[in-house]
Protein backbone atom coordinates (compact mmCIF):
# COMPACT_ATOMS: atom_id res chain seq x y z
CA MET A 1 124.56 103.31 26.66
CA TRP A 2 121.89 104.23 24.11
CA VAL A 3 122.12 102.38 20.80
CA ALA A 4 120.29 103.04 17.51
CA LYS A 5 120.24 101.36 14.12
CA LEU A 6 119.25 103.44 11.08
CA LYS A 7 118.50 102.49 7.44
CA ILE A 8 119.48 105.39 5.22
CA TRP A 9 119.23 106.24 1.53
CA HIS A 10 120.67 109.29 -0.18
CA GLU A 11 121.11 110.10 -3.81
CA ASP A 12 124.66 111.50 -3.72
CA CYS A 13 126.44 108.57 -1.98
CA ILE A 14 129.52 107.33 -3.80
CA ILE A 15 129.11 103.79 -2.51
CA ILE A 16 125.50 102.58 -2.06
CA HIS A 17 124.41 102.78 -5.69
CA ARG A 18 127.56 101.11 -6.89
CA ALA A 19 127.21 98.37 -4.26
CA LYS A 20 123.77 97.57 -5.61
CA LYS A 21 124.90 97.86 -9.25
CA PHE A 22 127.83 95.49 -8.85
CA ASN A 23 126.13 93.22 -6.30
CA VAL A 24 128.69 93.65 -3.54
CA VAL A 25 128.49 94.54 0.14
CA VAL A 26 130.73 97.32 1.45
CA MET A 27 131.40 98.04 5.10
CA THR A 28 132.73 101.51 5.79
CA TYR A 29 134.31 102.92 8.94
CA PRO A 30 135.34 106.63 9.04
CA ILE A 31 138.80 107.17 10.47
CA GLY A 32 139.65 110.81 9.87
CA GLU A 33 138.52 114.28 8.82
CA PHE A 34 140.38 117.52 8.04
CA ARG A 35 139.87 120.86 6.27
CA LYS A 36 142.09 122.20 3.51
CA GLY A 37 141.61 124.78 0.77
CA GLY A 38 138.02 125.49 1.71
CA ARG A 39 136.95 121.85 1.59
CA VAL A 40 136.32 119.09 4.10
CA TYR A 41 138.18 115.81 3.49
CA PHE A 42 137.04 112.47 4.85
CA THR A 43 139.14 109.29 5.12
CA SER A 44 137.48 105.90 5.51
CA VAL A 45 138.58 102.29 5.67
CA ASN A 46 136.31 99.87 3.80
CA THR A 47 135.99 96.14 3.30
CA ILE A 48 134.20 94.62 0.30
CA GLN A 49 132.44 91.31 -0.11
CA GLY A 50 131.31 89.61 -3.31
CA ARG A 51 132.61 87.78 -6.37
CA GLU A 52 136.15 88.85 -7.36
CA GLU A 53 135.03 90.11 -10.77
CA ASP A 54 132.27 92.18 -9.18
CA LYS A 55 134.65 93.62 -6.61
CA GLU A 56 137.19 94.61 -9.29
CA ALA A 57 134.44 96.25 -11.39
CA PHE A 58 133.20 98.14 -8.32
CA ILE A 59 136.72 99.46 -7.43
CA LYS A 60 137.40 100.52 -11.02
CA ASP A 61 134.12 102.38 -11.29
CA LEU A 62 134.61 104.03 -7.91
CA SER A 63 138.17 105.08 -8.89
CA ASP A 64 136.75 106.94 -11.88
CA ASP A 65 134.43 109.02 -9.70
CA LYS A 66 135.68 112.65 -9.60
CA ARG A 67 134.55 112.97 -5.97
CA VAL A 68 137.16 110.38 -4.93
CA ASP A 69 140.47 112.16 -4.37
CA LYS A 70 142.48 109.06 -3.56
CA ILE A 71 141.89 105.33 -3.28
CA GLU A 72 144.18 102.55 -2.15
CA ARG A 73 143.25 98.86 -2.25
CA ASN A 74 144.84 95.90 -0.52
CA GLY A 75 142.81 92.74 -1.16
CA ASP A 76 139.30 93.16 0.29
CA MET A 77 140.27 96.27 2.20
CA PHE A 78 140.42 99.72 0.59
CA PHE A 79 140.93 103.25 1.84
CA ILE A 80 139.18 106.32 0.37
CA LEU A 81 139.90 110.03 0.65
CA ASN A 82 137.03 112.13 -0.63
CA SER A 83 136.14 115.78 -0.17
CA ARG A 84 133.03 117.96 0.03
CA ASP A 85 132.12 121.61 0.18
CA PRO A 86 131.71 122.35 3.92
CA LYS A 87 128.25 123.87 3.18
CA THR A 88 127.03 120.47 1.93
CA LYS A 89 125.01 118.67 4.58
CA HIS A 90 126.54 115.28 5.35
CA LEU A 91 125.86 112.93 8.24
CA ARG A 92 129.57 112.40 8.96
CA GLY A 93 130.02 116.11 9.21
CA TYR A 94 127.36 116.59 11.88
CA ARG A 95 129.63 118.19 14.46
CA GLU A 96 127.03 118.57 17.18
CA SER A 97 126.61 114.82 17.33
CA GLN A 98 127.35 112.99 20.58
CA VAL A 99 127.29 109.61 18.88
CA PHE A 100 130.01 107.21 17.84
CA PHE A 101 130.01 104.16 15.58
CA VAL A 102 129.44 100.75 17.14
CA LYS A 103 129.83 98.95 13.81
CA PRO A 104 130.88 99.94 10.29
CA VAL A 105 128.29 101.44 7.95
CA VAL A 106 127.00 98.47 5.93
CA GLN A 107 126.14 99.41 2.35
CA LYS A 108 124.10 96.86 0.41
CA GLY A 109 121.00 96.68 -1.74
CA GLY A 110 120.93 100.42 -2.31
CA PHE A 111 120.85 101.39 1.43
CA GLU A 112 123.24 102.23 4.25
CA TYR A 113 122.82 100.65 7.69
CA TRP A 114 124.24 102.71 10.54
CA GLU A 115 124.60 101.42 14.10
CA ILE A 116 125.54 104.20 16.49
CA ALA A 117 125.65 104.78 20.26
CA SER A 118 125.66 107.62 22.76
CA TRP A 119 125.94 108.01 26.50
CA ASP A 120 122.56 109.77 26.53
CA LYS A 121 119.31 109.10 24.69
CA GLU A 122 119.38 112.73 23.59
CA GLY A 123 122.46 112.04 21.55
CA VAL A 124 120.92 109.30 19.36
CA VAL A 125 117.58 111.15 19.14
CA ASP A 126 119.32 114.33 17.92
CA PHE A 127 121.31 112.42 15.32
CA TYR A 128 118.21 110.54 14.12
CA ASN A 129 116.29 113.78 13.73
CA TYR A 130 119.20 115.35 11.83
CA ALA A 131 119.48 112.31 9.57
CA LYS A 132 115.70 112.26 8.96
CA ALA A 133 115.73 115.96 8.04
CA ASN A 134 118.50 115.48 5.48
CA ARG A 135 118.22 111.93 4.24
CA GLN A 136 115.55 109.26 3.72
CA THR A 137 115.91 107.58 7.10
CA GLU A 138 114.18 104.68 8.83
CA LEU A 139 114.69 104.02 12.54
CA MET A 140 115.15 100.26 12.94
CA LYS A 141 116.16 100.22 16.59
CA MET A 142 116.69 102.54 19.57
CA LYS A 143 117.17 101.16 23.03
CA GLN A 144 119.36 101.37 26.11
CA GLU A 145 121.74 98.42 26.47
CA LYS A 146 125.24 97.55 27.62
CA LEU A 147 127.77 97.39 24.79
CA THR A 148 129.62 94.08 24.63
CA ASP A 149 131.93 94.88 21.73
CA ILE A 150 132.79 97.42 19.08
CA TYR A 151 134.06 97.11 15.51
CA VAL A 152 137.76 96.47 15.07
CA PRO A 153 138.66 96.82 11.36
CA ASN A 154 142.03 95.05 11.12
CA ILE A 155 141.31 91.38 11.80
CA MET A 156 139.75 90.00 8.58
CA LYS A 157 142.59 91.34 6.39
CA HIS A 158 144.89 88.55 7.71
CA LEU A 159 142.76 85.90 6.05
CA THR A 160 143.23 84.71 2.47
CA GLU A 161 140.27 85.01 0.17
CA LYS A 162 139.50 81.25 0.45
CA GLN A 163 139.77 81.32 4.23
CA LYS A 164 137.51 84.37 4.42
CA GLN A 165 134.91 82.75 2.16
CA ALA A 166 134.98 79.55 4.24
CA ILE A 167 134.40 81.22 7.57
CA GLU A 168 131.70 83.55 6.16
CA THR A 169 129.94 80.56 4.63
CA ALA A 170 130.08 78.69 7.95
CA TYR A 171 128.83 81.70 9.94
CA LYS A 172 125.92 82.54 7.60
CA ALA A 173 124.81 78.88 7.52
CA GLY A 174 124.62 78.67 11.32
CA TYR A 175 127.69 76.46 11.88
CA TYR A 176 128.69 78.45 14.97
CA GLU A 177 125.22 78.47 16.53
CA TYR A 178 124.23 76.11 19.32
CA PRO A 179 122.96 73.68 18.36
CA LYS A 180 124.67 73.79 14.93
CA ARG A 181 122.33 74.27 11.94
CA THR A 182 124.72 72.59 9.54
CA ASP A 183 127.88 70.50 9.35
CA LEU A 184 131.21 70.60 7.52
CA ARG A 185 130.04 68.19 4.81
CA GLN A 186 127.09 70.42 3.92
CA LEU A 187 129.30 73.53 3.99
CA ALA A 188 131.85 71.96 1.67
CA LYS A 189 129.07 71.00 -0.72
CA LYS A 190 127.72 74.55 -0.64
CA ALA A 191 131.23 75.96 -1.33
CA GLY A 192 131.71 73.51 -4.21
CA ILE A 193 134.94 72.02 -2.86
CA SER A 194 136.02 68.83 -1.14
CA LEU A 195 135.38 68.32 2.57
CA THR A 196 139.11 68.15 3.29
CA THR A 197 139.87 71.37 1.44
CA PHE A 198 137.00 73.28 3.06
CA GLN A 199 137.99 72.05 6.49
CA GLU A 200 141.57 73.15 5.89
CA HIS A 201 140.47 76.71 4.87
CA LEU A 202 138.08 76.96 7.84
CA LYS A 203 140.58 75.74 10.40
CA LYS A 204 143.25 78.15 9.21
CA ALA A 205 140.79 81.02 9.33
CA GLU A 206 139.64 80.08 12.82
CA ASN A 207 143.23 79.81 14.02
CA LYS A 208 144.16 83.25 12.69
CA LEU A 209 141.12 84.92 14.22
CA ILE A 210 141.57 83.24 17.57
CA SER A 211 145.29 83.99 17.61
CA ALA A 212 144.61 87.67 16.89
CA GLN A 213 142.20 87.86 19.79
CA ILE A 214 144.51 86.00 22.22
CA GLU A 215 147.43 88.28 21.23
CA ASN A 216 145.33 91.35 21.94
CA ILE A 217 144.36 90.03 25.32
CA ALA A 218 147.96 89.05 26.17
CA GLU A 219 149.43 92.48 25.34
């Protein structure tokens, strides 16, 4: 499989400028597209990371955008339905593309990060050329490799906010690397809570994630 990672900026995005403004990270995964009344409608599932007050401000501001037809939030996950004129050039509407998403589109710091794949090199090259012609695009990676996994959007929603924060803190600090780059005491101090409380949140998060994976394998 051929895999490419792109860094993209475009002025008319409803997410990237808000993500930077409210200091949040949004991960977007497109799940549907249809045409009605002369317009193209896109549905996406999104997850948001950041301080709760920043996330709430982001969602409120996004809800007020006239380009957003519908929005539904459930914790850190939210769905968006937005529409465009079919004549408007949009990367998600590139129908000739042979690519598919390996990971969600990560939107942070004023940019989008796309990771896509195709059976043939021609597929990712064509998509990159189309993106470059229509958006400010930087090619960060393009190589042939075997895919080991692909994004599954429904696991993290089972975690409470505290459990999610605990496991993200541990992951980012290198707790799951070998050898470990940190320990539970340092993580608890970083999170500003007691060792016992942090360990409880982390263990519950790990148990939920492992259980979800085992259940999928067992089905």
